[in-house]
Amino acid sequence: MKSSEILTGLIIVGLFTVMCSGQTSQELTDDTQLSQQETENELVEAMTALLGRYQPHVPSSEKRSIPQCAVGSRCAMRLGPRFGKLCECVRGSNCNSFLLKCI
């Protein structure tokens, strides 16, 4: 009889501690999620300020006066041991030195 009372008491105490620790961990995760969102917002603001400061200094193809080639078109011409550039490949493609085309 005594052993069954002790066992039920231990089970009740165990369930109570599990329920209480679950509630505190949920409160802590809510606090950490809020602080993570605040730090993300601060980082986004800092990055936009940084990009806004350096935006005018980004070189564009219009300033270089080199026309842009489409993918698959000729971008260079072989002149003996050297290559002469006809146009600039669009972003995401490179001028292949063997085929002399934008790939």
PDB file of N, CA and C in Angstrom:
ATOM      1  N   MET A   1       0.816  -1.178   0.000  1.00  0.00           N
ATOM      2  CA  MET A   1       0.000   0.000   0.000  1.00  0.00           C
ATOM      3  C   MET A   1       0.865   1.248   0.000  1.00  0.00           C
ATOM      4  N   LYS A   2       1.867   1.271   0.838  1.00  0.00           N
ATOM      5  CA  LYS A   2       2.751   2.417   0.917  1.00  0.00           C
ATOM      6  C   LYS A   2       3.504   2.623  -0.394  1.00  0.00           C
ATOM      7  N   SER A   3       3.927   1.549  -1.018  1.00  0.00           N
ATOM      8  CA  SER A   3       4.702   1.666  -2.258  1.00  0.00           C
ATOM      9  C   SER A   3       3.850   2.231  -3.391  1.00  0.00           C
ATOM     10  N   SER A   4       2.560   1.893  -3.435  1.00  0.00           N
ATOM     11  CA  SER A   4       1.695   2.432  -4.486  1.00  0.00           C
ATOM     12  C   SER A   4       1.437   3.922  -4.275  1.00  0.00           C
ATOM     13  N   GLU A   5       1.333   4.348  -2.999  1.00  0.00           N
ATOM     14  CA  GLU A   5       1.148   5.779  -2.719  1.00  0.00           C
ATOM     15  C   GLU A   5       2.395   6.571  -3.085  1.00  0.00           C
ATOM     16  N   ILE A   6       3.542   6.027  -2.793  1.00  0.00           N
ATOM     17  CA  ILE A   6       4.807   6.684  -3.137  1.00  0.00           C
ATOM     18  C   ILE A   6       4.954   6.774  -4.654  1.00  0.00           C
ATOM     19  N   LEU A   7       4.577   5.709  -5.359  1.00  0.00           N
ATOM     20  CA  LEU A   7       4.674   5.679  -6.815  1.00  0.00           C
ATOM     21  C   LEU A   7       3.748   6.715  -7.446  1.00  0.00           C
ATOM     22  N   THR A   8       2.504   6.796  -6.984  1.00  0.00           N
ATOM     23  CA  THR A   8       1.580   7.802  -7.538  1.00  0.00           C
ATOM     24  C   THR A   8       2.043   9.211  -7.205  1.00  0.00           C
ATOM     25  N   GLY A   9       2.590   9.398  -6.041  1.00  0.00           N
ATOM     26  CA  GLY A   9       3.125  10.715  -5.667  1.00  0.00           C
ATOM     27  C   GLY A   9       4.280  11.123  -6.567  1.00  0.00           C
ATOM     28  N   LEU A  10       5.167  10.181  -6.853  1.00  0.00           N
ATOM     29  CA  LEU A  10       6.291  10.465  -7.739  1.00  0.00           C
ATOM     30  C   LEU A  10       5.819  10.760  -9.160  1.00  0.00           C
ATOM     31  N   ILE A  11       4.816  10.039  -9.617  1.00  0.00           N
ATOM     32  CA  ILE A  11       4.278  10.274 -10.964  1.00  0.00           C
ATOM     33  C   ILE A  11       3.662  11.662 -11.049  1.00  0.00           C
ATOM     34  N   ILE A  12       2.900  12.055 -10.028  1.00  0.00           N
ATOM     35  CA  ILE A  12       2.261  13.382 -10.019  1.00  0.00           C
ATOM     36  C   ILE A  12       3.320  14.481  -9.984  1.00  0.00           C
ATOM     37  N   VAL A  13       4.336  14.320  -9.149  1.00  0.00           N
ATOM     38  CA  VAL A  13       5.412  15.320  -9.075  1.00  0.00           C
ATOM     39  C   VAL A  13       6.164  15.382 -10.397  1.00  0.00           C
ATOM     40  N   GLY A  14       6.401  14.235 -11.010  1.00  0.00           N
ATOM     41  CA  GLY A  14       7.099  14.207 -12.301  1.00  0.00           C
ATOM     42  C   GLY A  14       6.311  14.915 -13.385  1.00  0.00           C
ATOM     43  N   LEU A  15       5.010  14.645 -13.456  1.00  0.00           N
ATOM     44  CA  LEU A  15       4.162  15.325 -14.444  1.00  0.00           C
ATOM     45  C   LEU A  15       4.107  16.826 -14.201  1.00  0.00           C
ATOM     46  N   PHE A  16       4.040  17.217 -12.940  1.00  0.00           N
ATOM     47  CA  PHE A  16       3.991  18.634 -12.595  1.00  0.00           C
ATOM     48  C   PHE A  16       5.273  19.350 -13.029  1.00  0.00           C
ATOM     49  N   THR A  17       6.424  18.731 -12.795  1.00  0.00           N
ATOM     50  CA  THR A  17       7.685  19.364 -13.194  1.00  0.00           C
ATOM     51  C   THR A  17       7.818  19.438 -14.710  1.00  0.00           C
ATOM     52  N   VAL A  18       7.355  18.409 -15.408  1.00  0.00           N
ATOM     53  CA  VAL A  18       7.416  18.423 -16.871  1.00  0.00           C
ATOM     54  C   VAL A  18       6.531  19.529 -17.421  1.00  0.00           C
ATOM     55  N   MET A  19       5.327  19.681 -16.877  1.00  0.00           N
ATOM     56  CA  MET A  19       4.411  20.725 -17.343  1.00  0.00           C
ATOM     57  C   MET A  19       4.970  22.113 -17.058  1.00  0.00           C
ATOM     58  N   CYS A  20       5.571  22.305 -15.889  1.00  0.00           N
ATOM     59  CA  CYS A  20       6.112  23.620 -15.541  1.00  0.00           C
ATOM     60  C   CYS A  20       7.327  23.969 -16.393  1.00  0.00           C
ATOM     61  N   SER A  21       8.192  23.002 -16.627  1.00  0.00           N
ATOM     62  CA  SER A  21       9.380  23.290 -17.438  1.00  0.00           C
ATOM     63  C   SER A  21       8.985  23.562 -18.882  1.00  0.00           C
ATOM     64  N   GLY A  22       7.930  22.947 -19.371  1.00  0.00           N
ATOM     65  CA  GLY A  22       7.447  23.217 -20.724  1.00  0.00           C
ATOM     66  C   GLY A  22       6.933  24.630 -20.858  1.00  0.00           C
ATOM     67  N   GLN A  23       6.279  25.153 -19.835  1.00  0.00           N
ATOM     68  CA  GLN A  23       5.765  26.521 -19.888  1.00  0.00           C
ATOM     69  C   GLN A  23       6.891  27.530 -19.865  1.00  0.00           C
ATOM     70  N   THR A  24       7.903  27.321 -19.046  1.00  0.00           N
ATOM     71  CA  THR A  24       8.995  28.284 -18.986  1.00  0.00           C
ATOM     72  C   THR A  24       9.794  28.263 -20.277  1.00  0.00           C
ATOM     73  N   SER A  25       9.964  27.100 -20.893  1.00  0.00           N
ATOM     74  CA  SER A  25      10.726  27.059 -22.137  1.00  0.00           C
ATOM     75  C   SER A  25       9.968  27.766 -23.253  1.00  0.00           C
ATOM     76  N   GLN A  26       8.629  27.708 -23.254  1.00  0.00           N
ATOM     77  CA  GLN A  26       7.859  28.432 -24.259  1.00  0.00           C
ATOM     78  C   GLN A  26       8.007  29.933 -24.070  1.00  0.00           C
ATOM     79  N   GLU A  27       8.020  30.389 -22.813  1.00  0.00           N
ATOM     80  CA  GLU A  27       8.199  31.820 -22.556  1.00  0.00           C
ATOM     81  C   GLU A  27       9.576  32.273 -23.002  1.00  0.00           C
ATOM     82  N   LEU A  28      10.586  31.461 -22.756  1.00  0.00           N
ATOM     83  CA  LEU A  28      11.944  31.818 -23.162  1.00  0.00           C
ATOM     84  C   LEU A  28      12.080  31.838 -24.678  1.00  0.00           C
ATOM     85  N   THR A  29      11.450  30.883 -25.364  1.00  0.00           N
ATOM     86  CA  THR A  29      11.554  30.879 -26.820  1.00  0.00           C
ATOM     87  C   THR A  29      10.845  32.075 -27.419  1.00  0.00           C
ATOM     88  N   ASP A  30       9.728  32.518 -26.827  1.00  0.00           N
ATOM     89  CA  ASP A  30       9.054  33.715 -27.318  1.00  0.00           C
ATOM     90  C   ASP A  30       9.960  34.932 -27.180  1.00  0.00           C
ATOM     91  N   ASP A  31      10.656  35.047 -26.033  1.00  0.00           N
ATOM     92  CA  ASP A  31      11.567  36.172 -25.822  1.00  0.00           C
ATOM     93  C   ASP A  31      12.727  36.140 -26.805  1.00  0.00           C
ATOM     94  N   THR A  32      13.289  34.946 -27.055  1.00  0.00           N
ATOM     95  CA  THR A  32      14.422  34.860 -27.973  1.00  0.00           C
ATOM     96  C   THR A  32      13.984  35.129 -29.405  1.00  0.00           C
ATOM     97  N   GLN A  33      12.760  34.721 -29.771  1.00  0.00           N
ATOM     98  CA  GLN A  33      12.266  35.000 -31.117  1.00  0.00           C
ATOM     99  C   GLN A  33      12.095  36.497 -31.317  1.00  0.00           C
ATOM    100  N   LEU A  34      11.600  37.203 -30.307  1.00  0.00           N
ATOM    101  CA  LEU A  34      11.446  38.648 -30.413  1.00  0.00           C
ATOM    102  C   LEU A  34      12.798  39.332 -30.539  1.00  0.00           C
ATOM    103  N   SER A  35      13.779  38.886 -29.753  1.00  0.00           N
ATOM    104  CA  SER A  35      15.101  39.514 -29.826  1.00  0.00           C
ATOM    105  C   SER A  35      15.768  39.200 -31.167  1.00  0.00           C
ATOM    106  N   GLN A  36      15.543  38.001 -31.722  1.00  0.00           N
ATOM    107  CA  GLN A  36      16.107  37.665 -33.028  1.00  0.00           C
ATOM    108  C   GLN A  36      15.485  38.523 -34.118  1.00  0.00           C
ATOM    109  N   GLN A  37      14.180  38.784 -34.038  1.00  0.00           N
ATOM    110  CA  GLN A  37      13.521  39.634 -35.020  1.00  0.00           C
ATOM    111  C   GLN A  37      14.041  41.061 -34.926  1.00  0.00           C
ATOM    112  N   GLU A  38      14.281  41.543 -33.711  1.00  0.00           N
ATOM    113  CA  GLU A  38      14.822  42.892 -33.547  1.00  0.00           C
ATOM    114  C   GLU A  38      16.214  43.000 -34.137  1.00  0.00           C
ATOM    115  N   THR A  39      17.061  41.999 -33.894  1.00  0.00           N
ATOM    116  CA  THR A  39      18.414  42.047 -34.442  1.00  0.00           C
ATOM    117  C   THR A  39      18.390  41.924 -35.964  1.00  0.00           C
ATOM    118  N   GLU A  40      17.468  41.115 -36.508  1.00  0.00           N
ATOM    119  CA  GLU A  40      17.347  41.017 -37.966  1.00  0.00           C
ATOM    120  C   GLU A  40      16.945  42.361 -38.558  1.00  0.00           C
ATOM    121  N   ASN A  41      16.002  43.044 -37.914  1.00  0.00           N
ATOM    122  CA  ASN A  41      15.576  44.356 -38.408  1.00  0.00           C
ATOM    123  C   ASN A  41      16.721  45.354 -38.364  1.00  0.00           C
ATOM    124  N   GLU A  42      17.514  45.322 -37.300  1.00  0.00           N
ATOM    125  CA  GLU A  42      18.666  46.217 -37.206  1.00  0.00           C
ATOM    126  C   GLU A  42      19.683  45.919 -38.297  1.00  0.00           C
ATOM    127  N   LEU A  43      19.922  44.636 -38.565  1.00  0.00           N
ATOM    128  CA  LEU A  43      20.873  44.265 -39.614  1.00  0.00           C
ATOM    129  C   LEU A  43      20.381  44.686 -40.990  1.00  0.00           C
ATOM    130  N   VAL A  44      19.083  44.540 -41.241  1.00  0.00           N
ATOM    131  CA  VAL A  44      18.520  44.944 -42.532  1.00  0.00           C
ATOM    132  C   VAL A  44      18.649  46.451 -42.712  1.00  0.00           C
ATOM    133  N   GLU A  45      18.378  47.210 -41.658  1.00  0.00           N
ATOM    134  CA  GLU A  45      18.519  48.663 -41.751  1.00  0.00           C
ATOM    135  C   GLU A  45      19.964  49.058 -42.013  1.00  0.00           C
ATOM    136  N   ALA A  46      20.903  48.396 -41.352  1.00  0.00           N
ATOM    137  CA  ALA A  46      22.317  48.704 -41.559  1.00  0.00           C
ATOM    138  C   ALA A  46      22.751  48.371 -42.985  1.00  0.00           C
ATOM    139  N   MET A  47      22.285  47.240 -43.514  1.00  0.00           N
ATOM    140  CA  MET A  47      22.657  46.856 -44.875  1.00  0.00           C
ATOM    141  C   MET A  47      22.070  47.811 -45.912  1.00  0.00           C
ATOM    142  N   THR A  48      20.822  48.242 -45.719  1.00  0.00           N
ATOM    143  CA  THR A  48      20.236  49.186 -46.673  1.00  0.00           C
ATOM    144  C   THR A  48      20.965  50.519 -46.626  1.00  0.00           C
ATOM    145  N   ALA A  49      21.381  50.944 -45.438  1.00  0.00           N
ATOM    146  CA  ALA A  49      22.144  52.189 -45.335  1.00  0.00           C
ATOM    147  C   ALA A  49      23.489  52.051 -46.043  1.00  0.00           C
ATOM    148  N   LEU A  50      24.135  50.913 -45.878  1.00  0.00           N
ATOM    149  CA  LEU A  50      25.428  50.676 -46.516  1.00  0.00           C
ATOM    150  C   LEU A  50      25.290  50.609 -48.029  1.00  0.00           C
ATOM    151  N   LEU A  51      24.278  49.894 -48.510  1.00  0.00           N
ATOM    152  CA  LEU A  51      24.068  49.807 -49.957  1.00  0.00           C
ATOM    153  C   LEU A  51      23.675  51.157 -50.536  1.00  0.00           C
ATOM    154  N   GLY A  52      22.904  51.923 -49.797  1.00  0.00           N
ATOM    155  CA  GLY A  52      22.522  53.250 -50.268  1.00  0.00           C
ATOM    156  C   GLY A  52      23.718  54.167 -50.381  1.00  0.00           C
ATOM    157  N   ARG A  53      24.690  53.989 -49.504  1.00  0.00           N
ATOM    158  CA  ARG A  53      25.888  54.821 -49.536  1.00  0.00           C
ATOM    159  C   ARG A  53      26.776  54.472 -50.735  1.00  0.00           C
ATOM    160  N   TYR A  54      26.861  53.194 -51.093  1.00  0.00           N
ATOM    161  CA  TYR A  54      27.748  52.777 -52.174  1.00  0.00           C
ATOM    162  C   TYR A  54      27.025  52.550 -53.493  1.00  0.00           C
ATOM    163  N   GLN A  55      25.766  52.824 -53.581  1.00  0.00           N
ATOM    164  CA  GLN A  55      25.002  52.616 -54.811  1.00  0.00           C
ATOM    165  C   GLN A  55      25.555  53.418 -55.994  1.00  0.00           C
ATOM    166  N   PRO A  56      25.891  54.704 -55.859  1.00  0.00           N
ATOM    167  CA  PRO A  56      26.386  55.449 -57.016  1.00  0.00           C
ATOM    168  C   PRO A  56      27.748  54.973 -57.523  1.00  0.00           C
ATOM    169  N   HIS A  57      28.505  54.244 -56.702  1.00  0.00           N
ATOM    170  CA  HIS A  57      29.846  53.830 -57.087  1.00  0.00           C
ATOM    171  C   HIS A  57      29.880  52.507 -57.848  1.00  0.00           C
ATOM    172  N   VAL A  58      28.728  51.869 -58.065  1.00  0.00           N
ATOM    173  CA  VAL A  58      28.685  50.601 -58.784  1.00  0.00           C
ATOM    174  C   VAL A  58      28.841  50.887 -60.281  1.00  0.00           C
ATOM    175  N   PRO A  59      29.844  50.278 -60.941  1.00  0.00           N
ATOM    176  CA  PRO A  59      30.018  50.539 -62.368  1.00  0.00           C
ATOM    177  C   PRO A  59      28.914  49.883 -63.196  1.00  0.00           C
ATOM    178  N   SER A  60      28.490  50.554 -64.219  1.00  0.00           N
ATOM    179  CA  SER A  60      27.468  49.989 -65.102  1.00  0.00           C
ATOM    180  C   SER A  60      28.046  49.840 -66.503  1.00  0.00           C
ATOM    181  N   SER A  61      27.429  49.012 -67.308  1.00  0.00           N
ATOM    182  CA  SER A  61      27.930  48.778 -68.661  1.00  0.00           C
ATOM    183  C   SER A  61      27.719  50.012 -69.534  1.00  0.00           C
ATOM    184  N   GLU A  62      26.751  50.858 -69.196  1.00  0.00           N
ATOM    185  CA  GLU A  62      26.530  52.066 -69.989  1.00  0.00           C
ATOM    186  C   GLU A  62      27.683  53.045 -69.840  1.00  0.00           C
ATOM    187  N   LYS A  63      28.298  53.105 -68.656  1.00  0.00           N
ATOM    188  CA  LYS A  63      29.411  54.015 -68.436  1.00  0.00           C
ATOM    189  C   LYS A  63      30.660  53.552 -69.179  1.00  0.00           C
ATOM    190  N   ARG A  64      30.810  52.253 -69.353  1.00  0.00           N
ATOM    191  CA  ARG A  64      32.000  51.731 -70.017  1.00  0.00           C
ATOM    192  C   ARG A  64      31.909  51.813 -71.530  1.00  0.00           C
ATOM    193  N   SER A  65      30.770  52.075 -72.054  1.00  0.00           N
ATOM    194  CA  SER A  65      30.496  52.195 -73.489  1.00  0.00           C
ATOM    195  C   SER A  65      30.842  50.927 -74.275  1.00  0.00           C
ATOM    196  N   ILE A  66      30.757  49.765 -73.638  1.00  0.00           N
ATOM    197  CA  ILE A  66      30.938  48.482 -74.312  1.00  0.00           C
ATOM    198  C   ILE A  66      29.557  47.868 -74.475  1.00  0.00           C
ATOM    199  N   PRO A  67      29.145  47.536 -75.704  1.00  0.00           N
ATOM    200  CA  PRO A  67      27.802  46.959 -75.872  1.00  0.00           C
ATOM    201  C   PRO A  67      27.712  45.567 -75.239  1.00  0.00           C
ATOM    202  N   GLN A  68      26.505  45.162 -74.898  1.00  0.00           N
ATOM    203  CA  GLN A  68      26.306  43.846 -74.304  1.00  0.00           C
ATOM    204  C   GLN A  68      25.878  42.835 -75.354  1.00  0.00           C
ATOM    205  N   CYS A  69      26.397  41.605 -75.211  1.00  0.00           N
ATOM    206  CA  CYS A  69      26.050  40.505 -76.112  1.00  0.00           C
ATOM    207  C   CYS A  69      24.996  39.631 -75.470  1.00  0.00           C
ATOM    208  N   ALA A  70      24.197  39.001 -76.300  1.00  0.00           N
ATOM    209  CA  ALA A  70      23.237  38.014 -75.809  1.00  0.00           C
ATOM    210  C   ALA A  70      23.962  36.684 -75.624  1.00  0.00           C
ATOM    211  N   VAL A  71      23.361  35.787 -74.871  1.00  0.00           N
ATOM    212  CA  VAL A  71      23.959  34.473 -74.645  1.00  0.00           C
ATOM    213  C   VAL A  71      23.942  33.705 -75.960  1.00  0.00           C
ATOM    214  N   GLY A  72      25.106  33.167 -76.352  1.00  0.00           N
ATOM    215  CA  GLY A  72      25.233  32.409 -77.588  1.00  0.00           C
ATOM    216  C   GLY A  72      25.787  33.220 -78.745  1.00  0.00           C
ATOM    217  N   SER A  73      25.891  34.530 -78.602  1.00  0.00           N
ATOM    218  CA  SER A  73      26.436  35.352 -79.694  1.00  0.00           C
ATOM    219  C   SER A  73      27.947  35.512 -79.520  1.00  0.00           C
ATOM    220  N   ARG A  74      28.608  35.938 -80.589  1.00  0.00           N
ATOM    221  CA  ARG A  74      30.062  36.112 -80.558  1.00  0.00           C
ATOM    222  C   ARG A  74      30.417  37.298 -79.675  1.00  0.00           C
ATOM    223  N   CYS A  75      31.405  37.093 -78.821  1.00  0.00           N
ATOM    224  CA  CYS A  75      31.799  38.155 -77.901  1.00  0.00           C
ATOM    225  C   CYS A  75      33.253  38.582 -78.098  1.00  0.00           C
ATOM    226  N   ALA A  76      34.030  37.826 -78.870  1.00  0.00           N
ATOM    227  CA  ALA A  76      35.437  38.149 -79.076  1.00  0.00           C
ATOM    228  C   ALA A  76      35.864  37.720 -80.465  1.00  0.00           C
ATOM    229  N   MET A  77      37.009  38.261 -80.880  1.00  0.00           N
ATOM    230  CA  MET A  77      37.548  37.952 -82.198  1.00  0.00           C
ATOM    231  C   MET A  77      39.031  37.645 -82.020  1.00  0.00           C
ATOM    232  N   ARG A  78      39.495  36.588 -82.650  1.00  0.00           N
ATOM    233  CA  ARG A  78      40.890  36.219 -82.493  1.00  0.00           C
ATOM    234  C   ARG A  78      41.738  36.981 -83.498  1.00  0.00           C
ATOM    235  N   LEU A  79      42.718  37.679 -82.978  1.00  0.00           N
ATOM    236  CA  LEU A  79      43.649  38.450 -83.803  1.00  0.00           C
ATOM    237  C   LEU A  79      45.060  37.926 -83.555  1.00  0.00           C
ATOM    238  N   GLY A  80      45.430  36.836 -84.208  1.00  0.00           N
ATOM    239  CA  GLY A  80      46.731  36.216 -83.973  1.00  0.00           C
ATOM    240  C   GLY A  80      46.747  35.583 -82.601  1.00  0.00           C
ATOM    241  N   PRO A  81      47.744  35.884 -81.771  1.00  0.00           N
ATOM    242  CA  PRO A  81      47.793  35.305 -80.425  1.00  0.00           C
ATOM    243  C   PRO A  81      46.888  36.041 -79.429  1.00  0.00           C
ATOM    244  N   ARG A  82      46.285  37.140 -79.850  1.00  0.00           N
ATOM    245  CA  ARG A  82      45.466  37.944 -78.941  1.00  0.00           C
ATOM    246  C   ARG A  82      43.998  37.831 -79.297  1.00  0.00           C
ATOM    247  N   PHE A  83      43.172  38.237 -78.332  1.00  0.00           N
ATOM    248  CA  PHE A  83      41.727  38.267 -78.536  1.00  0.00           C
ATOM    249  C   PHE A  83      41.252  39.709 -78.475  1.00  0.00           C
ATOM    250  N   GLY A  84      40.444  40.095 -79.439  1.00  0.00           N
ATOM    251  CA  GLY A  84      39.840  41.422 -79.410  1.00  0.00           C
ATOM    252  C   GLY A  84      38.404  41.313 -78.926  1.00  0.00           C
ATOM    253  N   LYS A  85      38.023  42.176 -78.023  1.00  0.00           N
ATOM    254  CA  LYS A  85      36.682  42.113 -77.436  1.00  0.00           C
ATOM    255  C   LYS A  85      35.697  42.838 -78.336  1.00  0.00           C
ATOM    256  N   LEU A  86      34.611  42.155 -78.715  1.00  0.00           N
ATOM    257  CA  LEU A  86      33.560  42.780 -79.505  1.00  0.00           C
ATOM    258  C   LEU A  86      32.486  43.387 -78.612  1.00  0.00           C
ATOM    259  N   CYS A  87      32.116  42.638 -77.569  1.00  0.00           N
ATOM    260  CA  CYS A  87      31.077  43.115 -76.661  1.00  0.00           C
ATOM    261  C   CYS A  87      31.207  42.414 -75.316  1.00  0.00           C
ATOM    262  N   GLU A  88      30.465  42.900 -74.350  1.00  0.00           N
ATOM    263  CA  GLU A  88      30.482  42.373 -72.987  1.00  0.00           C
ATOM    264  C   GLU A  88      29.331  41.384 -72.815  1.00  0.00           C
ATOM    265  N   CYS A  89      29.610  40.203 -72.262  1.00  0.00           N
ATOM    266  CA  CYS A  89      28.551  39.219 -72.014  1.00  0.00           C
ATOM    267  C   CYS A  89      27.651  39.706 -70.883  1.00  0.00           C
ATOM    268  N   VAL A  90      26.376  39.325 -70.964  1.00  0.00           N
ATOM    269  CA  VAL A  90      25.435  39.721 -69.925  1.00  0.00           C
ATOM    270  C   VAL A  90      25.792  39.041 -68.618  1.00  0.00           C
ATOM    271  N   ARG A  91      25.201  39.523 -67.536  1.00  0.00           N
ATOM    272  CA  ARG A  91      25.480  38.978 -66.229  1.00  0.00           C
ATOM    273  C   ARG A  91      25.075  37.516 -66.161  1.00  0.00           C
ATOM    274  N   GLY A  92      25.939  36.687 -65.558  1.00  0.00           N
ATOM    275  CA  GLY A  92      25.652  35.268 -65.433  1.00  0.00           C
ATOM    276  C   GLY A  92      26.266  34.435 -66.547  1.00  0.00           C
ATOM    277  N   SER A  93      26.867  35.079 -67.550  1.00  0.00           N
ATOM    278  CA  SER A  93      27.527  34.334 -68.623  1.00  0.00           C
ATOM    279  C   SER A  93      28.935  34.890 -68.810  1.00  0.00           C
ATOM    280  N   ASN A  94      29.815  34.063 -69.377  1.00  0.00           N
ATOM    281  CA  ASN A  94      31.200  34.449 -69.611  1.00  0.00           C
ATOM    282  C   ASN A  94      31.555  34.211 -71.072  1.00  0.00           C
ATOM    283  N   CYS A  95      32.569  34.911 -71.508  1.00  0.00           N
ATOM    284  CA  CYS A  95      33.050  34.742 -72.882  1.00  0.00           C
ATOM    285  C   CYS A  95      34.010  33.540 -72.915  1.00  0.00           C
ATOM    286  N   ASN A  96      33.646  32.511 -73.656  1.00  0.00           N
ATOM    287  CA  ASN A  96      34.482  31.328 -73.775  1.00  0.00           C
ATOM    288  C   ASN A  96      35.601  31.622 -74.766  1.00  0.00           C
ATOM    289  N   SER A  97      36.854  31.382 -74.340  1.00  0.00           N
ATOM    290  CA  SER A  97      38.005  31.726 -75.179  1.00  0.00           C
ATOM    291  C   SER A  97      38.209  30.727 -76.325  1.00  0.00           C
ATOM    292  N   PHE A  98      37.629  29.534 -76.251  1.00  0.00           N
ATOM    293  CA  PHE A  98      37.764  28.571 -77.331  1.00  0.00           C
ATOM    294  C   PHE A  98      36.685  28.790 -78.388  1.00  0.00           C
ATOM    295  N   LEU A  99      35.448  28.945 -77.974  1.00  0.00           N
ATOM    296  CA  LEU A  99      34.333  29.139 -78.910  1.00  0.00           C
ATOM    297  C   LEU A  99      34.134  30.597 -79.295  1.00  0.00           C
ATOM    298  N   LEU A 100      34.684  31.502 -78.497  1.00  0.00           N
ATOM    299  CA  LEU A 100      34.519  32.949 -78.693  1.00  0.00           C
ATOM    300  C   LEU A 100      33.041  33.354 -78.654  1.00  0.00           C
ATOM    301  N   LYS A 101      32.280  32.695 -77.781  1.00  0.00           N
ATOM    302  CA  LYS A 101      30.859  32.981 -77.628  1.00  0.00           C
ATOM    303  C   LYS A 101      30.528  33.125 -76.155  1.00  0.00           C
ATOM    304  N   CYS A 102      29.448  33.853 -75.884  1.00  0.00           N
ATOM    305  CA  CYS A 102      28.958  33.975 -74.507  1.00  0.00           C
ATOM    306  C   CYS A 102      28.270  32.677 -74.116  1.00  0.00           C
ATOM    307  N   ILE A 103      28.745  32.102 -73.032  1.00  0.00           N
ATOM    308  CA  ILE A 103      28.153  30.842 -72.538  1.00  0.00           C
ATOM    309  C   ILE A 103      27.719  31.050 -71.112  1.00  0.00           C
TER     310      ILE A 103
END
